[in-house]
């Protein structure tokens, strides 16, 4: 039983890492300036950070649903988004 639980945890971790790499690859592919040249240095770092934060925010937004199946609103949504984004940033 413990081996099966360990295997499931490893599989979930692997999927999470693969998803993070995919998001980073998507952001890297979009890291170009208005002339079509690849961004470098601080500009690239800033773009990558913003792009990945937007990806986390969008993922949390899609999961902000209450027990009744309706979208969260107000303070409940704010609290959920804050916790979700903090958990995703780890």
N, C-alpha and C. Protein backbone atom coordinates (compact mmCIF):
# COMPACT_ATOMS: atom_id res chain seq x y z
N UNK A 1 0.83 -1.19 0.00
CA UNK A 1 0.00 0.00 0.00
C UNK A 1 0.87 1.26 0.00
N UNK A 2 1.94 1.25 0.81
CA UNK A 2 2.83 2.41 0.86
C UNK A 2 3.55 2.63 -0.46
N UNK A 3 3.90 1.55 -1.14
CA UNK A 3 4.58 1.67 -2.44
C UNK A 3 3.66 2.30 -3.46
N UNK A 4 2.37 1.92 -3.41
CA UNK A 4 1.42 2.48 -4.36
C UNK A 4 1.21 3.97 -4.08
N UNK A 5 1.11 4.35 -2.82
CA UNK A 5 0.96 5.74 -2.45
C UNK A 5 2.19 6.55 -2.88
N UNK A 6 3.36 6.00 -2.68
CA UNK A 6 4.59 6.67 -3.09
C UNK A 6 4.63 6.84 -4.61
N UNK A 7 4.20 5.82 -5.33
CA UNK A 7 4.18 5.90 -6.80
C UNK A 7 3.22 6.98 -7.27
N UNK A 8 2.07 7.09 -6.62
CA UNK A 8 1.09 8.12 -6.99
C UNK A 8 1.65 9.51 -6.72
N UNK A 9 2.30 9.69 -5.57
CA UNK A 9 2.89 10.99 -5.25
C UNK A 9 3.98 11.38 -6.23
N UNK A 10 4.81 10.43 -6.61
CA UNK A 10 5.87 10.70 -7.59
C UNK A 10 5.25 11.09 -8.92
N UNK A 11 4.20 10.38 -9.33
CA UNK A 11 3.54 10.68 -10.60
C UNK A 11 2.94 12.08 -10.57
N UNK A 12 2.30 12.47 -9.49
CA UNK A 12 1.72 13.80 -9.38
C UNK A 12 2.79 14.88 -9.40
N UNK A 13 3.89 14.64 -8.72
CA UNK A 13 5.00 15.60 -8.72
C UNK A 13 5.56 15.76 -10.12
N UNK A 14 5.72 14.66 -10.84
CA UNK A 14 6.26 14.69 -12.19
C UNK A 14 5.34 15.49 -13.11
N UNK A 15 4.04 15.29 -12.99
CA UNK A 15 3.09 16.03 -13.81
C UNK A 15 3.17 17.52 -13.50
N UNK A 16 3.29 17.87 -12.22
CA UNK A 16 3.41 19.27 -11.83
C UNK A 16 4.65 19.92 -12.39
N UNK A 17 5.77 19.23 -12.35
CA UNK A 17 7.02 19.76 -12.90
C UNK A 17 6.90 19.91 -14.41
N UNK A 18 6.32 18.94 -15.08
CA UNK A 18 6.16 19.01 -16.52
C UNK A 18 5.27 20.19 -16.91
N UNK A 19 4.21 20.44 -16.14
CA UNK A 19 3.33 21.57 -16.42
C UNK A 19 4.07 22.88 -16.25
N UNK A 20 4.88 22.99 -15.20
CA UNK A 20 5.64 24.21 -14.97
C UNK A 20 6.63 24.46 -16.10
N UNK A 21 7.25 23.41 -16.60
CA UNK A 21 8.18 23.55 -17.71
C UNK A 21 7.44 23.98 -18.97
N UNK A 22 6.26 23.44 -19.18
CA UNK A 22 5.48 23.80 -20.36
C UNK A 22 5.10 25.28 -20.30
N UNK A 23 4.67 25.76 -19.14
CA UNK A 23 4.34 27.17 -18.98
C UNK A 23 5.56 28.05 -19.23
N UNK A 24 6.71 27.65 -18.71
CA UNK A 24 7.93 28.42 -18.92
C UNK A 24 8.32 28.43 -20.39
N UNK A 25 8.13 27.30 -21.07
CA UNK A 25 8.44 27.23 -22.50
C UNK A 25 7.52 28.14 -23.30
N UNK A 26 6.25 28.18 -22.93
CA UNK A 26 5.30 29.06 -23.62
C UNK A 26 5.70 30.52 -23.44
N UNK A 27 6.08 30.87 -22.22
CA UNK A 27 6.50 32.25 -21.96
C UNK A 27 7.79 32.58 -22.71
N UNK A 28 8.73 31.65 -22.73
CA UNK A 28 9.99 31.88 -23.43
C UNK A 28 9.77 32.08 -24.92
N UNK A 29 8.81 31.36 -25.48
CA UNK A 29 8.52 31.49 -26.91
C UNK A 29 7.91 32.86 -27.22
N UNK A 30 7.24 33.45 -26.26
CA UNK A 30 6.60 34.75 -26.46
C UNK A 30 7.51 35.92 -26.09
N UNK A 31 8.71 35.66 -25.59
CA UNK A 31 9.62 36.70 -25.10
C UNK A 31 10.38 37.35 -26.26
N UNK A 32 9.66 38.12 -27.05
CA UNK A 32 10.27 38.84 -28.18
C UNK A 32 9.85 40.30 -28.12
N UNK A 33 10.70 41.16 -28.65
CA UNK A 33 10.35 42.58 -28.66
C UNK A 33 9.48 42.90 -29.87
N UNK A 34 9.14 44.17 -30.05
CA UNK A 34 8.24 44.56 -31.13
C UNK A 34 8.87 44.38 -32.52
N UNK A 35 10.18 44.24 -32.57
CA UNK A 35 10.86 44.02 -33.84
C UNK A 35 11.06 42.54 -34.14
N UNK A 36 10.61 41.68 -33.25
CA UNK A 36 10.71 40.24 -33.45
C UNK A 36 11.99 39.62 -32.92
N UNK A 37 12.83 40.40 -32.26
CA UNK A 37 14.07 39.87 -31.70
C UNK A 37 13.81 39.34 -30.29
N UNK A 38 14.54 38.31 -29.93
CA UNK A 38 14.39 37.72 -28.60
C UNK A 38 14.83 38.71 -27.52
N UNK A 39 14.06 38.77 -26.45
CA UNK A 39 14.44 39.62 -25.32
C UNK A 39 15.63 39.00 -24.59
N UNK A 40 16.42 39.85 -23.95
CA UNK A 40 17.58 39.38 -23.20
C UNK A 40 17.72 40.19 -21.91
N UNK A 41 18.44 39.62 -20.97
CA UNK A 41 18.76 40.32 -19.73
C UNK A 41 17.56 40.63 -18.88
N UNK A 42 17.55 41.86 -18.34
CA UNK A 42 16.50 42.28 -17.41
C UNK A 42 15.13 42.31 -18.08
N UNK A 43 15.08 42.70 -19.34
CA UNK A 43 13.80 42.74 -20.05
C UNK A 43 13.19 41.35 -20.15
N UNK A 44 14.02 40.36 -20.45
CA UNK A 44 13.54 38.98 -20.54
C UNK A 44 13.10 38.47 -19.16
N UNK A 45 13.90 38.75 -18.15
CA UNK A 45 13.56 38.31 -16.79
C UNK A 45 12.22 38.90 -16.35
N UNK A 46 12.03 40.20 -16.61
CA UNK A 46 10.79 40.86 -16.24
C UNK A 46 9.60 40.27 -16.99
N UNK A 47 9.78 40.05 -18.29
CA UNK A 47 8.71 39.46 -19.09
C UNK A 47 8.36 38.06 -18.61
N UNK A 48 9.37 37.25 -18.34
CA UNK A 48 9.13 35.87 -17.90
C UNK A 48 8.38 35.85 -16.57
N UNK A 49 8.78 36.72 -15.64
CA UNK A 49 8.11 36.77 -14.34
C UNK A 49 6.64 37.15 -14.50
N UNK A 50 6.38 38.20 -15.28
CA UNK A 50 5.01 38.65 -15.50
C UNK A 50 4.19 37.58 -16.21
N UNK A 51 4.75 36.95 -17.21
CA UNK A 51 4.05 35.92 -17.98
C UNK A 51 3.67 34.74 -17.09
N UNK A 52 4.59 34.28 -16.26
CA UNK A 52 4.31 33.14 -15.40
C UNK A 52 3.30 33.50 -14.31
N UNK A 53 3.34 34.74 -13.80
CA UNK A 53 2.35 35.17 -12.81
C UNK A 53 0.96 35.22 -13.43
N UNK A 54 0.88 35.66 -14.69
CA UNK A 54 -0.41 35.70 -15.37
C UNK A 54 -0.95 34.29 -15.59
N UNK A 55 -0.06 33.35 -15.86
CA UNK A 55 -0.47 31.96 -16.03
C UNK A 55 -1.01 31.38 -14.74
N UNK A 56 -0.37 31.69 -13.63
CA UNK A 56 -0.83 31.22 -12.33
C UNK A 56 -2.18 31.84 -12.01
N UNK A 57 -2.31 33.15 -12.27
CA UNK A 57 -3.55 33.85 -11.99
C UNK A 57 -4.70 33.28 -12.81
N UNK A 58 -4.44 32.99 -14.08
CA UNK A 58 -5.49 32.42 -14.94
C UNK A 58 -5.90 31.03 -14.47
N UNK A 59 -4.93 30.24 -14.04
CA UNK A 59 -5.24 28.89 -13.55
C UNK A 59 -6.08 28.96 -12.28
N UNK A 60 -5.75 29.89 -11.39
CA UNK A 60 -6.52 30.05 -10.15
C UNK A 60 -7.92 30.57 -10.45
N UNK A 61 -8.02 31.49 -11.39
CA UNK A 61 -9.31 32.06 -11.77
C UNK A 61 -10.28 30.98 -12.25
N UNK A 62 -9.75 30.04 -13.01
CA UNK A 62 -10.61 28.97 -13.53
C UNK A 62 -11.07 28.01 -12.44
N UNK A 63 -10.35 27.96 -11.33
CA UNK A 63 -10.71 27.06 -10.23
C UNK A 63 -11.51 27.74 -9.14
N UNK A 64 -11.80 29.04 -9.27
CA UNK A 64 -12.51 29.80 -8.25
C UNK A 64 -14.02 29.55 -8.34
N UNK A 65 -14.42 28.34 -7.97
CA UNK A 65 -15.82 27.93 -8.04
C UNK A 65 -16.24 27.42 -6.67
N UNK A 66 -17.41 27.85 -6.22
CA UNK A 66 -17.92 27.45 -4.92
C UNK A 66 -18.49 26.04 -4.93
N UNK A 67 -18.93 25.58 -3.77
CA UNK A 67 -19.50 24.24 -3.64
C UNK A 67 -20.78 24.07 -4.44
N UNK A 68 -21.47 25.18 -4.69
CA UNK A 68 -22.72 25.11 -5.43
C UNK A 68 -22.51 25.14 -6.95
N UNK A 69 -21.25 25.21 -7.38
CA UNK A 69 -20.94 25.20 -8.80
C UNK A 69 -20.91 26.57 -9.44
N UNK A 70 -21.17 27.60 -8.66
CA UNK A 70 -21.15 28.97 -9.19
C UNK A 70 -19.80 29.61 -8.91
N UNK A 71 -19.45 30.58 -9.73
CA UNK A 71 -18.19 31.29 -9.56
C UNK A 71 -18.19 32.06 -8.25
N UNK A 72 -17.05 32.06 -7.57
CA UNK A 72 -16.90 32.83 -6.34
C UNK A 72 -16.91 34.33 -6.67
N UNK A 73 -17.32 35.13 -5.70
CA UNK A 73 -17.34 36.58 -5.88
C UNK A 73 -16.96 37.25 -4.56
N UNK A 74 -16.57 38.50 -4.64
CA UNK A 74 -16.28 39.29 -3.46
C UNK A 74 -15.12 38.78 -2.63
N UNK A 75 -15.33 38.80 -1.31
CA UNK A 75 -14.27 38.43 -0.37
C UNK A 75 -13.87 36.97 -0.50
N UNK A 76 -14.83 36.10 -0.81
CA UNK A 76 -14.52 34.68 -0.97
C UNK A 76 -13.57 34.47 -2.14
N UNK A 77 -13.81 35.17 -3.24
CA UNK A 77 -12.94 35.05 -4.41
C UNK A 77 -11.56 35.63 -4.12
N UNK A 78 -11.53 36.77 -3.45
CA UNK A 78 -10.26 37.41 -3.11
C UNK A 78 -9.42 36.49 -2.24
N UNK A 79 -10.02 35.90 -1.22
CA UNK A 79 -9.30 35.00 -0.33
C UNK A 79 -8.83 33.75 -1.08
N UNK A 80 -9.69 33.20 -1.92
CA UNK A 80 -9.31 32.01 -2.68
C UNK A 80 -8.14 32.33 -3.61
N UNK A 81 -8.22 33.43 -4.34
CA UNK A 81 -7.16 33.80 -5.28
C UNK A 81 -5.83 34.02 -4.56
N UNK A 82 -5.87 34.69 -3.42
CA UNK A 82 -4.65 34.95 -2.66
C UNK A 82 -3.99 33.65 -2.23
N UNK A 83 -4.79 32.71 -1.70
CA UNK A 83 -4.25 31.43 -1.25
C UNK A 83 -3.76 30.60 -2.43
N UNK A 84 -4.53 30.56 -3.49
CA UNK A 84 -4.16 29.77 -4.67
C UNK A 84 -2.85 30.26 -5.28
N UNK A 85 -2.73 31.58 -5.44
CA UNK A 85 -1.51 32.15 -6.02
C UNK A 85 -0.30 31.92 -5.11
N UNK A 86 -0.51 32.01 -3.80
CA UNK A 86 0.60 31.76 -2.86
C UNK A 86 1.03 30.30 -2.92
N UNK A 87 0.06 29.40 -2.98
CA UNK A 87 0.38 27.97 -3.06
C UNK A 87 1.07 27.63 -4.38
N UNK A 88 0.66 28.27 -5.46
CA UNK A 88 1.23 27.99 -6.77
C UNK A 88 2.64 28.53 -6.91
N UNK A 89 2.95 29.59 -6.18
CA UNK A 89 4.27 30.22 -6.27
C UNK A 89 5.35 29.39 -5.57
N UNK A 90 4.95 28.46 -4.74
CA UNK A 90 5.92 27.66 -3.97
C UNK A 90 6.65 26.70 -4.85
